[in-house]
Amino acid sequence: MIFTYGKTKLKIPEGYEYVYYATFIAGEWDFLKVKDTDAVLDAGAFIGDFTVKIA
């Protein structure tokens, strides 16, 4: 499955669609308001969906 977010295209591994849905469609992380001048440390070890969203 290919997922497009703005100008970014991501190839979603089979079985991980729910992760991208939660992050990009359902807005699971939208409560975090990251400004251009903020520094963010993503210490997760999964697939990088959060990092892609806030980049």
Protein backbone atom coordinates (compact mmCIF):
# COMPACT_ATOMS: atom_id res chain seq x y z
CA MET A 1 0.00 0.00 0.00
CA ILE A 2 1.31 3.46 -0.89
CA PHE A 3 0.25 6.28 1.42
CA THR A 4 0.65 9.94 0.43
CA TYR A 5 1.00 12.65 3.09
CA GLY A 6 1.55 16.04 1.49
CA LYS A 7 4.55 15.60 -0.81
CA THR A 8 5.69 12.48 1.03
CA LYS A 9 4.88 9.00 -0.24
CA LEU A 10 5.27 6.06 2.11
CA LYS A 11 5.20 2.36 1.35
CA ILE A 12 3.18 0.78 4.15
CA PRO A 13 4.10 -2.80 5.07
CA GLU A 14 1.18 -5.21 5.07
CA GLY A 15 -0.40 -5.37 8.51
CA TYR A 16 0.78 -1.90 9.61
CA GLU A 17 -1.97 0.16 7.99
CA TYR A 18 -3.60 0.81 11.38
CA VAL A 19 -0.46 2.56 12.66
CA TYR A 20 -0.44 5.05 9.81
CA TYR A 21 -4.19 5.51 10.06
CA ALA A 22 -3.88 6.41 13.75
CA THR A 23 -1.06 8.89 13.15
CA PHE A 24 -2.03 10.54 9.86
CA ILE A 25 -5.81 10.14 9.52
CA ALA A 26 -7.23 9.85 13.04
CA GLY A 27 -4.84 12.49 14.40
CA GLU A 28 -3.58 10.48 17.37
CA TRP A 29 -0.71 12.94 17.93
CA ASP A 30 -2.46 16.17 16.91
CA PHE A 31 -2.60 17.37 20.51
CA LEU A 32 1.18 17.97 20.32
CA LYS A 33 1.80 21.42 18.93
CA VAL A 34 5.32 21.38 17.48
CA LYS A 35 6.68 24.72 16.26
CA ASP A 36 9.38 25.20 13.63
CA THR A 37 11.83 26.28 16.36
CA ASP A 38 11.20 23.24 18.59
CA ALA A 39 13.58 20.30 18.89
CA VAL A 40 11.91 16.90 19.13
CA LEU A 41 13.51 13.67 20.29
CA ASP A 42 11.60 10.63 19.05
CA ALA A 43 12.88 7.80 21.23
CA GLY A 44 10.50 5.24 19.84
CA ALA A 45 11.70 2.12 18.12
CA PHE A 46 8.87 1.24 15.80
CA ILE A 47 8.47 2.41 12.20
CA GLY A 48 8.99 6.18 12.29
CA ASP A 49 5.46 7.35 11.49
CA PHE A 50 5.56 10.04 14.19
CA THR A 51 8.93 11.30 12.97
CA VAL A 52 7.64 11.58 9.40
CA LYS A 53 4.55 13.47 10.55
CA ILE A 54 6.40 16.12 12.56
CA ALA A 55 9.35 16.52 10.17
